[in-house]
Amino acid sequence: MKQFKIRCSAIGQIMGNAKVKGELSAGTITYLKNWYAEQKYNDREQIYSKYLNKGNQQENEAIEVVVNRFNLGIGFKNTIEFENEFMTGTPDLLSEDTIFDTKCSWNGKTFLDAITGPIDKDYEWQLIGYMGLTGKKKASLCYVLLNTPEEANFGQEVIYDEIDISERFFSFDFELDENKLLEIEAKVIKCREWLKEYDLLIKSLLS
């Protein structure tokens, strides 16, 4: 079985605190059991929702908005998967010193809820991971409210074009905290230790 590395998009799922200090949280253990089953039986659970469909379909347009808002000149979606000893990930967009990740809000309410609350911790962990993989020191989590295509909304198109993009774009900007990277690495090591014990258990039961 390959060595465990955490996908940046899933870092938040392993960083929860356990009730007992030094142990893994229930959420982390659930994630690791799913990961183990995927490796052993080649299980790949596909998740579908109208929200994900909109994000996938509008991703390139969202990236174009980010390029324009930050005056990046010409920018394209990154397709390179980065990897180090602990993590893997494919950031949306990179500049000379910054990682950009786009999130397409479903509607006006979800957009306003996202920008008025604190930064989503799972997304924050995701961008911290991207910074660790790429060596970038800055990150920008960008929310964009774009038209909802018919294909993502059961045949109903929703248009926001009449509203200026300045009213439909918001970014959380932050810098790298090296201590957060160390926390991720330490948690990955602890996850590997748990998986090693779990693997021995499964093999003993199936032998």
N, C-alpha and C. Protein backbone atom coordinates (compact mmCIF):
# COMPACT_ATOMS: atom_id res chain seq x y z
N MET A 1 0.85 -1.20 0.00
CA MET A 1 0.00 0.00 0.00
C MET A 1 0.88 1.24 0.00
N LYS A 2 0.48 2.23 -0.81
CA LYS A 2 1.31 3.43 -0.92
C LYS A 2 1.30 4.23 0.38
N GLN A 3 2.33 5.03 0.54
CA GLN A 3 2.43 5.85 1.74
C GLN A 3 1.35 6.93 1.72
N PHE A 4 0.76 7.17 2.88
CA PHE A 4 -0.30 8.16 2.98
C PHE A 4 0.23 9.57 2.81
N LYS A 5 -0.40 10.31 1.90
CA LYS A 5 -0.19 11.74 1.75
C LYS A 5 -1.57 12.39 1.68
N ILE A 6 -1.71 13.54 2.28
CA ILE A 6 -3.02 14.17 2.32
C ILE A 6 -3.19 15.10 1.12
N ARG A 7 -4.36 15.02 0.48
CA ARG A 7 -4.71 15.98 -0.57
C ARG A 7 -5.01 17.32 0.11
N CYS A 8 -4.54 18.39 -0.48
CA CYS A 8 -4.75 19.70 0.14
C CYS A 8 -6.23 19.99 0.37
N SER A 9 -7.06 19.55 -0.55
CA SER A 9 -8.50 19.79 -0.40
C SER A 9 -9.11 19.03 0.77
N ALA A 10 -8.37 18.08 1.33
CA ALA A 10 -8.88 17.27 2.44
C ALA A 10 -8.13 17.52 3.75
N ILE A 11 -7.20 18.45 3.77
CA ILE A 11 -6.42 18.69 4.98
C ILE A 11 -7.33 18.99 6.17
N GLY A 12 -8.37 19.78 5.93
CA GLY A 12 -9.29 20.13 7.02
C GLY A 12 -9.94 18.93 7.67
N GLN A 13 -10.05 17.83 6.92
CA GLN A 13 -10.70 16.63 7.45
C GLN A 13 -9.83 15.87 8.45
N ILE A 14 -8.53 16.15 8.46
CA ILE A 14 -7.66 15.47 9.41
C ILE A 14 -7.14 16.38 10.52
N MET A 15 -7.45 17.68 10.43
CA MET A 15 -6.87 18.62 11.38
C MET A 15 -7.74 18.87 12.60
N GLY A 16 -8.88 18.20 12.69
CA GLY A 16 -9.73 18.37 13.86
C GLY A 16 -9.08 17.86 15.13
N ASN A 17 -9.44 18.47 16.24
CA ASN A 17 -8.86 18.08 17.53
C ASN A 17 -9.66 16.94 18.17
N ALA A 18 -8.96 15.97 18.70
CA ALA A 18 -9.61 14.84 19.38
C ALA A 18 -9.99 15.25 20.80
N LYS A 19 -10.95 14.51 21.37
CA LYS A 19 -11.36 14.77 22.74
C LYS A 19 -10.25 14.44 23.72
N VAL A 20 -9.44 13.44 23.37
CA VAL A 20 -8.30 13.06 24.21
C VAL A 20 -7.02 13.54 23.53
N LYS A 21 -6.24 14.32 24.23
CA LYS A 21 -5.02 14.88 23.66
C LYS A 21 -4.08 13.78 23.20
N GLY A 22 -3.52 13.98 22.01
CA GLY A 22 -2.57 13.02 21.46
C GLY A 22 -3.21 11.97 20.58
N GLU A 23 -4.55 11.89 20.58
CA GLU A 23 -5.24 10.93 19.73
C GLU A 23 -5.80 11.63 18.50
N LEU A 24 -6.25 10.84 17.54
CA LEU A 24 -6.88 11.39 16.35
C LEU A 24 -8.37 11.57 16.59
N SER A 25 -8.95 12.59 15.98
CA SER A 25 -10.38 12.84 16.14
C SER A 25 -11.18 11.77 15.41
N ALA A 26 -12.46 11.67 15.76
CA ALA A 26 -13.34 10.70 15.10
C ALA A 26 -13.44 11.01 13.61
N GLY A 27 -13.49 12.30 13.27
CA GLY A 27 -13.56 12.68 11.86
C GLY A 27 -12.32 12.28 11.09
N THR A 28 -11.16 12.42 11.72
CA THR A 28 -9.91 12.02 11.08
C THR A 28 -9.89 10.52 10.84
N ILE A 29 -10.31 9.75 11.83
CA ILE A 29 -10.32 8.28 11.70
C ILE A 29 -11.28 7.85 10.60
N THR A 30 -12.43 8.48 10.51
CA THR A 30 -13.37 8.17 9.43
C THR A 30 -12.73 8.43 8.07
N TYR A 31 -12.05 9.55 7.95
CA TYR A 31 -11.37 9.87 6.69
C TYR A 31 -10.32 8.82 6.36
N LEU A 32 -9.55 8.40 7.35
CA LEU A 32 -8.48 7.42 7.12
C LEU A 32 -9.03 6.05 6.74
N LYS A 33 -10.14 5.67 7.35
CA LYS A 33 -10.76 4.39 6.98
C LYS A 33 -11.22 4.42 5.52
N ASN A 34 -11.80 5.54 5.12
CA ASN A 34 -12.23 5.68 3.72
C ASN A 34 -11.03 5.64 2.78
N TRP A 35 -9.95 6.32 3.18
CA TRP A 35 -8.73 6.33 2.36
C TRP A 35 -8.18 4.91 2.21
N TYR A 36 -8.15 4.18 3.31
CA TYR A 36 -7.63 2.81 3.29
C TYR A 36 -8.45 1.94 2.36
N ALA A 37 -9.77 2.05 2.45
CA ALA A 37 -10.65 1.25 1.59
C ALA A 37 -10.46 1.60 0.12
N GLU A 38 -10.24 2.87 -0.16
CA GLU A 38 -9.98 3.29 -1.54
C GLU A 38 -8.73 2.63 -2.09
N GLN A 39 -7.69 2.58 -1.25
CA GLN A 39 -6.43 1.98 -1.71
C GLN A 39 -6.56 0.46 -1.87
N LYS A 40 -7.24 -0.17 -0.94
CA LYS A 40 -7.30 -1.64 -0.94
C LYS A 40 -8.24 -2.18 -2.02
N TYR A 41 -9.37 -1.51 -2.21
CA TYR A 41 -10.39 -2.04 -3.12
C TYR A 41 -10.65 -1.16 -4.33
N ASN A 42 -9.81 -0.13 -4.48
CA ASN A 42 -9.95 0.80 -5.60
C ASN A 42 -11.32 1.46 -5.61
N ASP A 43 -11.87 1.70 -4.42
CA ASP A 43 -13.15 2.40 -4.31
C ASP A 43 -12.94 3.88 -4.59
N ARG A 44 -13.80 4.46 -5.39
CA ARG A 44 -13.77 5.89 -5.65
C ARG A 44 -15.20 6.42 -5.62
N GLU A 45 -15.57 7.01 -4.52
CA GLU A 45 -16.93 7.51 -4.38
C GLU A 45 -17.05 8.85 -5.10
N GLN A 46 -17.99 8.94 -6.03
CA GLN A 46 -18.22 10.16 -6.78
C GLN A 46 -19.32 10.97 -6.08
N ILE A 47 -19.06 12.25 -5.87
CA ILE A 47 -20.01 13.13 -5.21
C ILE A 47 -20.60 14.09 -6.24
N TYR A 48 -21.91 14.10 -6.33
CA TYR A 48 -22.59 14.96 -7.29
C TYR A 48 -23.54 15.90 -6.55
N SER A 49 -23.56 17.15 -6.97
CA SER A 49 -24.54 18.11 -6.46
C SER A 49 -24.59 19.27 -7.43
N LYS A 50 -25.69 20.00 -7.40
CA LYS A 50 -25.81 21.16 -8.28
C LYS A 50 -24.76 22.22 -7.93
N TYR A 51 -24.37 22.29 -6.66
CA TYR A 51 -23.39 23.28 -6.24
C TYR A 51 -22.01 22.95 -6.83
N LEU A 52 -21.62 21.67 -6.75
CA LEU A 52 -20.35 21.26 -7.34
C LEU A 52 -20.37 21.40 -8.85
N ASN A 53 -21.51 21.07 -9.46
CA ASN A 53 -21.61 21.18 -10.91
C ASN A 53 -21.41 22.61 -11.37
N LYS A 54 -22.01 23.56 -10.65
CA LYS A 54 -21.83 24.96 -11.02
C LYS A 54 -20.36 25.35 -10.89
N GLY A 55 -19.74 24.97 -9.78
CA GLY A 55 -18.34 25.30 -9.58
C GLY A 55 -17.45 24.75 -10.68
N ASN A 56 -17.70 23.49 -11.06
CA ASN A 56 -16.88 22.87 -12.11
C ASN A 56 -17.09 23.55 -13.46
N GLN A 57 -18.35 23.88 -13.77
CA GLN A 57 -18.65 24.47 -15.07
C GLN A 57 -18.18 25.92 -15.18
N GLN A 58 -18.14 26.63 -14.07
CA GLN A 58 -17.80 28.05 -14.09
C GLN A 58 -16.35 28.32 -13.67
N GLU A 59 -15.59 27.26 -13.46
CA GLU A 59 -14.24 27.44 -12.91
C GLU A 59 -13.36 28.34 -13.77
N ASN A 60 -13.36 28.10 -15.08
CA ASN A 60 -12.50 28.91 -15.96
C ASN A 60 -12.93 30.37 -15.96
N GLU A 61 -14.23 30.61 -15.94
CA GLU A 61 -14.72 32.00 -15.89
C GLU A 61 -14.33 32.66 -14.58
N ALA A 62 -14.41 31.91 -13.48
CA ALA A 62 -14.02 32.46 -12.18
C ALA A 62 -12.53 32.81 -12.17
N ILE A 63 -11.72 31.97 -12.77
CA ILE A 63 -10.29 32.24 -12.85
C ILE A 63 -10.04 33.50 -13.67
N GLU A 64 -10.79 33.67 -14.75
CA GLU A 64 -10.65 34.88 -15.57
C GLU A 64 -10.99 36.13 -14.76
N VAL A 65 -12.01 36.03 -13.91
CA VAL A 65 -12.37 37.16 -13.05
C VAL A 65 -11.21 37.49 -12.11
N VAL A 66 -10.63 36.47 -11.51
CA VAL A 66 -9.51 36.67 -10.59
C VAL A 66 -8.33 37.33 -11.31
N VAL A 67 -8.03 36.86 -12.50
CA VAL A 67 -6.93 37.44 -13.29
C VAL A 67 -7.16 38.93 -13.50
N ASN A 68 -8.39 39.30 -13.83
CA ASN A 68 -8.71 40.71 -14.08
C ASN A 68 -8.69 41.53 -12.80
N ARG A 69 -9.24 40.97 -11.72
CA ARG A 69 -9.32 41.73 -10.47
C ARG A 69 -7.94 42.01 -9.88
N PHE A 70 -7.01 41.08 -10.06
CA PHE A 70 -5.67 41.24 -9.50
C PHE A 70 -4.64 41.70 -10.54
N ASN A 71 -5.15 42.07 -11.73
CA ASN A 71 -4.26 42.58 -12.79
C ASN A 71 -3.08 41.65 -13.05
N LEU A 72 -3.40 40.39 -13.25
CA LEU A 72 -2.35 39.39 -13.46
C LEU A 72 -1.93 39.26 -14.92
N GLY A 73 -2.56 40.04 -15.79
CA GLY A 73 -2.21 39.96 -17.20
C GLY A 73 -2.94 38.81 -17.86
N ILE A 74 -2.20 37.76 -18.13
CA ILE A 74 -2.78 36.55 -18.71
C ILE A 74 -2.61 35.40 -17.71
N GLY A 75 -3.68 34.73 -17.42
CA GLY A 75 -3.60 33.62 -16.48
C GLY A 75 -4.48 32.47 -16.92
N PHE A 76 -4.03 31.28 -16.67
CA PHE A 76 -4.79 30.09 -17.03
C PHE A 76 -4.86 29.15 -15.84
N LYS A 77 -5.88 28.31 -15.86
CA LYS A 77 -6.02 27.33 -14.80
C LYS A 77 -4.78 26.44 -14.74
N ASN A 78 -4.25 26.28 -13.55
CA ASN A 78 -3.11 25.39 -13.37
C ASN A 78 -3.55 23.94 -13.45
N THR A 79 -2.80 23.14 -14.18
CA THR A 79 -3.11 21.70 -14.29
C THR A 79 -2.00 20.83 -13.71
N ILE A 80 -0.99 21.47 -13.15
CA ILE A 80 0.14 20.72 -12.59
C ILE A 80 -0.18 20.29 -11.16
N GLU A 81 -0.04 19.01 -10.88
CA GLU A 81 -0.21 18.52 -9.51
C GLU A 81 1.13 18.58 -8.79
N PHE A 82 1.14 19.29 -7.68
CA PHE A 82 2.35 19.41 -6.87
C PHE A 82 2.33 18.34 -5.78
N GLU A 83 3.51 17.96 -5.34
CA GLU A 83 3.61 16.89 -4.35
C GLU A 83 4.90 17.06 -3.55
N ASN A 84 4.81 16.80 -2.25
CA ASN A 84 6.01 16.70 -1.43
C ASN A 84 5.89 15.48 -0.54
N GLU A 85 6.64 15.41 0.52
CA GLU A 85 6.66 14.22 1.36
C GLU A 85 5.33 13.99 2.09
N PHE A 86 4.54 15.06 2.25
CA PHE A 86 3.34 14.96 3.08
C PHE A 86 2.03 15.22 2.35
N MET A 87 2.07 16.00 1.26
CA MET A 87 0.84 16.49 0.65
C MET A 87 0.87 16.40 -0.87
N THR A 88 -0.32 16.45 -1.47
CA THR A 88 -0.45 16.60 -2.92
C THR A 88 -1.55 17.62 -3.17
N GLY A 89 -1.49 18.30 -4.31
CA GLY A 89 -2.54 19.26 -4.60
C GLY A 89 -2.34 19.97 -5.92
N THR A 90 -3.44 20.49 -6.45
CA THR A 90 -3.42 21.21 -7.73
C THR A 90 -4.11 22.55 -7.53
N PRO A 91 -3.36 23.60 -7.24
CA PRO A 91 -3.97 24.93 -7.05
C PRO A 91 -4.63 25.42 -8.34
N ASP A 92 -5.63 26.29 -8.18
CA ASP A 92 -6.32 26.83 -9.35
C ASP A 92 -5.41 27.73 -10.19
N LEU A 93 -4.71 28.64 -9.51
CA LEU A 93 -3.98 29.69 -10.22
C LEU A 93 -2.79 30.13 -9.38
N LEU A 94 -1.66 30.38 -10.04
CA LEU A 94 -0.46 30.82 -9.36
C LEU A 94 0.09 32.07 -10.02
N SER A 95 0.54 33.01 -9.17
CA SER A 95 1.31 34.14 -9.68
C SER A 95 2.72 33.99 -9.13
N GLU A 96 3.52 35.02 -9.26
CA GLU A 96 4.91 34.93 -8.83
C GLU A 96 5.04 34.61 -7.35
N ASP A 97 4.14 35.18 -6.54
CA ASP A 97 4.27 34.98 -5.08
C ASP A 97 2.99 34.55 -4.39
N THR A 98 1.91 34.32 -5.15
CA THR A 98 0.60 34.09 -4.54
C THR A 98 -0.12 32.89 -5.14
N ILE A 99 -0.82 32.16 -4.27
CA ILE A 99 -1.73 31.09 -4.68
C ILE A 99 -3.15 31.66 -4.69
N PHE A 100 -3.90 31.39 -5.75
CA PHE A 100 -5.29 31.81 -5.83
C PHE A 100 -6.17 30.57 -5.94
N ASP A 101 -7.25 30.56 -5.18
CA ASP A 101 -8.21 29.47 -5.30
C ASP A 101 -9.61 30.07 -5.41
N THR A 102 -10.39 29.60 -6.38
CA THR A 102 -11.70 30.19 -6.64
C THR A 102 -12.81 29.32 -6.07
N LYS A 103 -13.84 29.96 -5.59
CA LYS A 103 -15.05 29.29 -5.11
C LYS A 103 -16.25 30.00 -5.75
N CYS A 104 -17.04 29.26 -6.50
CA CYS A 104 -18.23 29.82 -7.14
C CYS A 104 -19.43 29.68 -6.21
N SER A 105 -19.93 30.80 -5.74
CA SER A 105 -21.10 30.76 -4.85
C SER A 105 -22.33 30.34 -5.64
N TRP A 106 -23.26 29.64 -4.96
CA TRP A 106 -24.46 29.17 -5.64
C TRP A 106 -25.41 30.32 -5.97
N ASN A 107 -25.63 31.23 -5.00
CA ASN A 107 -26.51 32.36 -5.24
C ASN A 107 -26.07 33.53 -4.36
N GLY A 108 -26.86 34.61 -4.41
CA GLY A 108 -26.48 35.80 -3.66
C GLY A 108 -26.38 35.57 -2.17
N LYS A 109 -27.30 34.78 -1.63
CA LYS A 109 -27.28 34.53 -0.19
C LYS A 109 -26.02 33.78 0.23
N THR A 110 -25.68 32.71 -0.50
CA THR A 110 -24.49 31.95 -0.13
C THR A 110 -23.22 32.78 -0.32
N PHE A 111 -23.23 33.66 -1.32
CA PHE A 111 -22.09 34.56 -1.51
C PHE A 111 -21.93 35.48 -0.32
N LEU A 112 -23.02 36.13 0.10
CA LEU A 112 -22.95 37.06 1.23
C LEU A 112 -22.63 36.33 2.54
N ASP A 113 -23.18 35.13 2.72
CA ASP A 113 -22.86 34.35 3.91
C ASP A 113 -21.37 34.04 3.98
N ALA A 114 -20.79 33.71 2.82
CA ALA A 114 -19.37 33.34 2.78
C ALA A 114 -18.48 34.52 3.12
N ILE A 115 -18.82 35.70 2.62
CA ILE A 115 -17.91 36.84 2.78
C ILE A 115 -18.10 37.57 4.10
N THR A 116 -19.25 37.39 4.76
CA THR A 116 -19.48 38.08 6.03
C THR A 116 -19.06 37.25 7.23
N GLY A 117 -18.86 35.96 7.03
CA GLY A 117 -18.42 35.10 8.11
C GLY A 117 -16.91 35.03 8.16
N PRO A 118 -16.37 34.32 9.13
CA PRO A 118 -14.92 34.09 9.14
C PRO A 118 -14.54 33.18 7.97
N ILE A 119 -13.29 33.20 7.60
CA ILE A 119 -12.84 32.37 6.50
C ILE A 119 -13.11 30.90 6.81
N ASP A 120 -13.58 30.17 5.82
CA ASP A 120 -13.84 28.75 5.98
C ASP A 120 -12.53 28.03 6.31
N LYS A 121 -12.49 27.34 7.45
CA LYS A 121 -11.25 26.73 7.92
C LYS A 121 -10.75 25.64 6.97
N ASP A 122 -11.67 24.87 6.38
CA ASP A 122 -11.23 23.84 5.44
C ASP A 122 -10.53 24.47 4.24
N TYR A 123 -11.08 25.57 3.73
CA TYR A 123 -10.46 26.25 2.60
C TYR A 123 -9.13 26.88 3.00
N GLU A 124 -9.09 27.40 4.22
CA GLU A 124 -7.83 27.99 4.71
C GLU A 124 -6.73 26.93 4.77
N TRP A 125 -7.05 25.76 5.33
CA TRP A 125 -6.08 24.67 5.37
C TRP A 125 -5.66 24.27 3.96
N GLN A 126 -6.61 24.24 3.04
CA GLN A 126 -6.31 23.88 1.66
C GLN A 126 -5.26 24.81 1.07
N LEU A 127 -5.43 26.11 1.25
CA LEU A 127 -4.48 27.07 0.68
C LEU A 127 -3.14 27.06 1.41
N ILE A 128 -3.17 26.78 2.72
CA ILE A 128 -1.90 26.63 3.44
C ILE A 128 -1.12 25.47 2.84
N GLY A 129 -1.82 24.38 2.55
CA GLY A 129 -1.17 23.25 1.90
C GLY A 129 -0.59 23.62 0.55
N TYR A 130 -1.35 24.36 -0.25
CA TYR A 130 -0.86 24.79 -1.56
C TYR A 130 0.40 25.64 -1.42
N MET A 131 0.42 26.51 -0.43
CA MET A 131 1.60 27.34 -0.21
C MET A 131 2.80 26.48 0.15
N GLY A 132 2.56 25.48 0.98
CA GLY A 132 3.64 24.58 1.35
C GLY A 132 4.18 23.81 0.17
N LEU A 133 3.32 23.44 -0.75
CA LEU A 133 3.74 22.66 -1.93
C LEU A 133 4.49 23.51 -2.94
N THR A 134 4.11 24.77 -3.06
CA THR A 134 4.66 25.60 -4.14
C THR A 134 5.72 26.59 -3.69
N GLY A 135 5.84 26.77 -2.38
CA GLY A 135 6.81 27.75 -1.90
C GLY A 135 6.29 29.18 -1.93
N LYS A 136 5.03 29.37 -2.28
CA LYS A 136 4.45 30.72 -2.28
C LYS A 136 4.19 31.16 -0.85
N LYS A 137 4.29 32.46 -0.62
CA LYS A 137 4.13 33.00 0.73
C LYS A 137 2.79 33.67 0.96
N LYS A 138 1.99 33.84 -0.10
CA LYS A 138 0.71 34.50 0.03
C LYS A 138 -0.38 33.65 -0.61
N ALA A 139 -1.61 33.84 -0.13
CA ALA A 139 -2.74 33.09 -0.70
C ALA A 139 -3.97 33.98 -0.72
N SER A 140 -4.84 33.71 -1.71
CA SER A 140 -6.08 34.46 -1.83
C SER A 140 -7.21 33.49 -2.13
N LEU A 141 -8.18 33.43 -1.22
CA LEU A 141 -9.37 32.62 -1.40
C LEU A 141 -10.45 33.52 -1.98
N CYS A 142 -10.83 33.25 -3.24
CA CYS A 142 -11.68 34.17 -3.99
C CYS A 142 -13.08 33.61 -4.22
N TYR A 143 -14.07 34.32 -3.71
CA TYR A 143 -15.46 33.96 -3.95
C TYR A 143 -16.01 34.79 -5.10
N VAL A 144 -16.67 34.12 -6.06
CA VAL A 144 -17.23 34.80 -7.21
C VAL A 144 -18.68 34.34 -7.40
N LEU A 145 -19.56 35.30 -7.64
CA LEU A 145 -20.96 34.98 -7.93
C LEU A 145 -21.18 35.14 -9.43
N LEU A 146 -21.33 34.03 -10.12
CA LEU A 146 -21.48 34.02 -11.57
C LEU A 146 -22.85 33.47 -11.96
N ASN A 147 -23.21 33.66 -13.21
CA ASN A 147 -24.46 33.11 -13.71
C ASN A 147 -24.52 31.61 -13.45
N THR A 148 -25.71 31.11 -13.14
CA THR A 148 -25.90 29.67 -12.95
C THR A 148 -26.40 29.07 -14.26
N PRO A 149 -25.60 28.21 -14.88
CA PRO A 149 -26.02 27.63 -16.17
C PRO A 149 -27.18 26.65 -16.01
N GLU A 150 -27.95 26.50 -17.06
CA GLU A 150 -29.10 25.59 -17.04
C GLU A 150 -28.70 24.18 -16.63
N GLU A 151 -27.53 23.73 -17.12
CA GLU A 151 -27.11 22.35 -16.87
C GLU A 151 -26.87 22.07 -15.40
N ALA A 152 -26.61 23.12 -14.63
CA ALA A 152 -26.34 22.94 -13.20
C ALA A 152 -27.57 23.19 -12.35
N ASN A 153 -28.68 23.57 -12.97
CA ASN A 153 -29.84 24.00 -12.18
C ASN A 153 -31.14 23.47 -12.76
N PHE A 154 -31.13 22.22 -13.16
CA PHE A 154 -32.35 21.54 -13.60
C PHE A 154 -33.09 22.32 -14.69
N GLY A 155 -32.31 22.87 -15.64
CA GLY A 155 -32.90 23.54 -16.78
C GLY A 155 -33.23 25.00 -16.58
N GLN A 156 -32.95 25.53 -15.40
CA GLN A 156 -33.24 26.94 -15.12
C GLN A 156 -31.95 27.74 -15.03
N GLU A 157 -31.81 28.74 -15.89
CA GLU A 157 -30.63 29.60 -15.88
C GLU A 157 -30.88 30.81 -14.99
N VAL A 158 -29.89 31.18 -14.20
CA VAL A 158 -29.98 32.36 -13.34
C VAL A 158 -28.89 33.33 -13.76
N ILE A 159 -29.27 34.58 -14.05
CA ILE A 159 -28.33 35.56 -14.61
C ILE A 159 -28.03 36.66 -13.59
N TYR A 160 -26.75 36.95 -13.43
CA TYR A 160 -26.32 38.04 -12.55
C TYR A 160 -25.56 39.13 -13.31
N ASP A 161 -25.57 39.07 -14.63
CA ASP A 161 -24.75 39.98 -15.43
C ASP A 161 -25.08 41.45 -15.21
N GLU A 162 -26.33 41.75 -14.83
CA GLU A 162 -26.71 43.16 -14.66
C GLU A 162 -26.09 43.77 -13.40
N ILE A 163 -25.51 42.94 -12.55
CA ILE A 163 -24.87 43.42 -11.32
C ILE A 163 -23.37 43.50 -11.56
N ASP A 164 -22.77 44.64 -11.26
CA ASP A 164 -21.34 44.83 -11.51
C ASP A 164 -20.53 43.77 -10.78
N ILE A 165 -19.45 43.34 -11.40
CA ILE A 165 -18.63 42.26 -10.84
C ILE A 165 -18.03 42.66 -9.49
N SER A 166 -17.87 43.96 -9.26
CA SER A 166 -17.35 44.41 -7.96
C SER A 166 -18.29 44.05 -6.82
N GLU A 167 -19.58 43.83 -7.15
CA GLU A 167 -20.57 43.43 -6.15
C GLU A 167 -20.68 41.91 -6.05
N ARG A 168 -19.89 41.22 -6.86
CA ARG A 168 -20.00 39.75 -6.91
C ARG A 168 -18.65 39.07 -6.73
N PHE A 169 -17.70 39.80 -6.17
CA PHE A 169 -16.35 39.26 -5.97
C PHE A 169 -15.83 39.68 -4.61
N PHE A 170 -15.20 38.71 -3.92
CA PHE A 170 -14.59 39.01 -2.63
C PHE A 170 -13.44 38.03 -2.40
N SER A 171 -12.37 38.51 -1.78
CA SER A 171 -11.25 37.60 -1.49
C SER A 171 -10.79 37.73 -0.05
N PHE A 172 -10.46 36.58 0.54
CA PHE A 172 -9.76 36.53 1.82
C PHE A 172 -8.28 36.37 1.50
N ASP A 173 -7.46 37.33 1.89
CA ASP A 173 -6.04 37.31 1.58
C ASP A 173 -5.24 37.10 2.86
N PHE A 174 -4.30 36.19 2.83
CA PHE A 174 -3.49 35.94 4.02
C PHE A 174 -2.11 35.42 3.63
N GLU A 175 -1.22 35.41 4.59
CA GLU A 175 0.17 35.00 4.35
C GLU A 175 0.45 33.66 5.04
N LEU A 176 1.51 33.03 4.60
CA LEU A 176 1.87 31.71 5.11
C LEU A 176 2.28 31.77 6.58
N ASP A 177 1.73 30.83 7.33
CA ASP A 177 2.13 30.61 8.72
C ASP A 177 2.89 29.29 8.75
N GLU A 178 4.19 29.37 8.91
CA GLU A 178 5.02 28.17 8.88
C GLU A 178 4.62 27.16 9.95
N ASN A 179 4.13 27.64 11.07
CA ASN A 179 3.71 26.72 12.14
C ASN A 179 2.54 25.85 11.70
N LYS A 180 1.67 26.41 10.85
CA LYS A 180 0.54 25.64 10.34
C LYS A 180 1.04 24.49 9.46
N LEU A 181 2.07 24.74 8.68
CA LEU A 181 2.64 23.67 7.86
C LEU A 181 3.21 22.56 8.74
N LEU A 182 3.86 22.94 9.83
CA LEU A 182 4.41 21.95 10.75
C LEU A 182 3.29 21.13 11.39
N GLU A 183 2.15 21.78 11.66
CA GLU A 183 1.01 21.06 12.23
C GLU A 183 0.49 20.01 11.24
N ILE A 184 0.43 20.38 9.97
CA ILE A 184 -0.03 19.44 8.95
C ILE A 184 0.91 18.25 8.86
N GLU A 185 2.19 18.53 8.81
CA GLU A 185 3.18 17.45 8.70
C GLU A 185 3.10 16.50 9.89
N ALA A 186 2.97 17.07 11.08
CA ALA A 186 2.88 16.24 12.29
C ALA A 186 1.63 15.37 12.25
N LYS A 187 0.52 15.93 11.76
CA LYS A 187 -0.72 15.17 11.71
C LYS A 187 -0.63 14.06 10.67
N VAL A 188 0.01 14.32 9.53
CA VAL A 188 0.18 13.29 8.51
C VAL A 188 1.00 12.12 9.07
N ILE A 189 2.05 12.42 9.82
CA ILE A 189 2.86 11.38 10.43
C ILE A 189 2.02 10.54 11.39
N LYS A 190 1.19 11.21 12.18
CA LYS A 190 0.33 10.49 13.12
C LYS A 190 -0.70 9.64 12.37
N CYS A 191 -1.20 10.14 11.25
CA CYS A 191 -2.14 9.38 10.43
C CYS A 191 -1.47 8.12 9.87
N ARG A 192 -0.23 8.25 9.48
CA ARG A 192 0.50 7.09 8.97
C ARG A 192 0.66 6.03 10.05
N GLU A 193 0.92 6.47 11.26
CA GLU A 193 1.07 5.51 12.37
C GLU A 193 -0.25 4.78 12.60
N TRP A 194 -1.36 5.52 12.55
CA TRP A 194 -2.67 4.90 12.74
C TRP A 194 -2.96 3.91 11.62
N LEU A 195 -2.66 4.30 10.39
CA LEU A 195 -2.92 3.44 9.24
C LEU A 195 -2.09 2.16 9.29
N LYS A 196 -0.89 2.26 9.81
CA LYS A 196 -0.05 1.08 9.94
C LYS A 196 -0.70 0.07 10.90
N GLU A 197 -1.21 0.55 12.01
CA GLU A 197 -1.89 -0.34 12.97
C GLU A 197 -3.18 -0.90 12.38
N TYR A 198 -3.90 -0.05 11.66
CA TYR A 198 -5.16 -0.48 11.05
C TYR A 198 -4.90 -1.54 9.98
N ASP A 199 -3.84 -1.36 9.24
CA ASP A 199 -3.47 -2.33 8.20
C ASP A 199 -3.15 -3.69 8.81
N LEU A 200 -2.43 -3.69 9.94
CA LEU A 200 -2.12 -4.94 10.62
C LEU A 200 -3.40 -5.62 11.12
N LEU A 201 -4.33 -4.82 11.62
CA LEU A 201 -5.61 -5.36 12.08
C LEU A 201 -6.37 -6.02 10.93
N ILE A 202 -6.49 -5.31 9.82
CA ILE A 202 -7.24 -5.83 8.67
C ILE A 202 -6.59 -7.11 8.15
N LYS A 203 -5.28 -7.14 8.07
CA LYS A 203 -4.58 -8.33 7.57
C LYS A 203 -4.76 -9.52 8.50
N SER A 204 -4.77 -9.24 9.80
CA SER A 204 -4.97 -10.34 10.75
C SER A 204 -6.38 -10.92 10.66
N LEU A 205 -7.34 -10.06 10.39
CA LEU A 205 -8.73 -10.51 10.28
C LEU A 205 -8.98 -11.28 8.99
N LEU A 206 -8.27 -10.94 7.94
CA LEU A 206 -8.49 -11.54 6.63
C LEU A 206 -7.53 -12.68 6.32
N SER A 207 -6.60 -12.94 7.24
CA SER A 207 -5.63 -14.01 6.96
C SER A 207 -6.24 -15.39 7.17
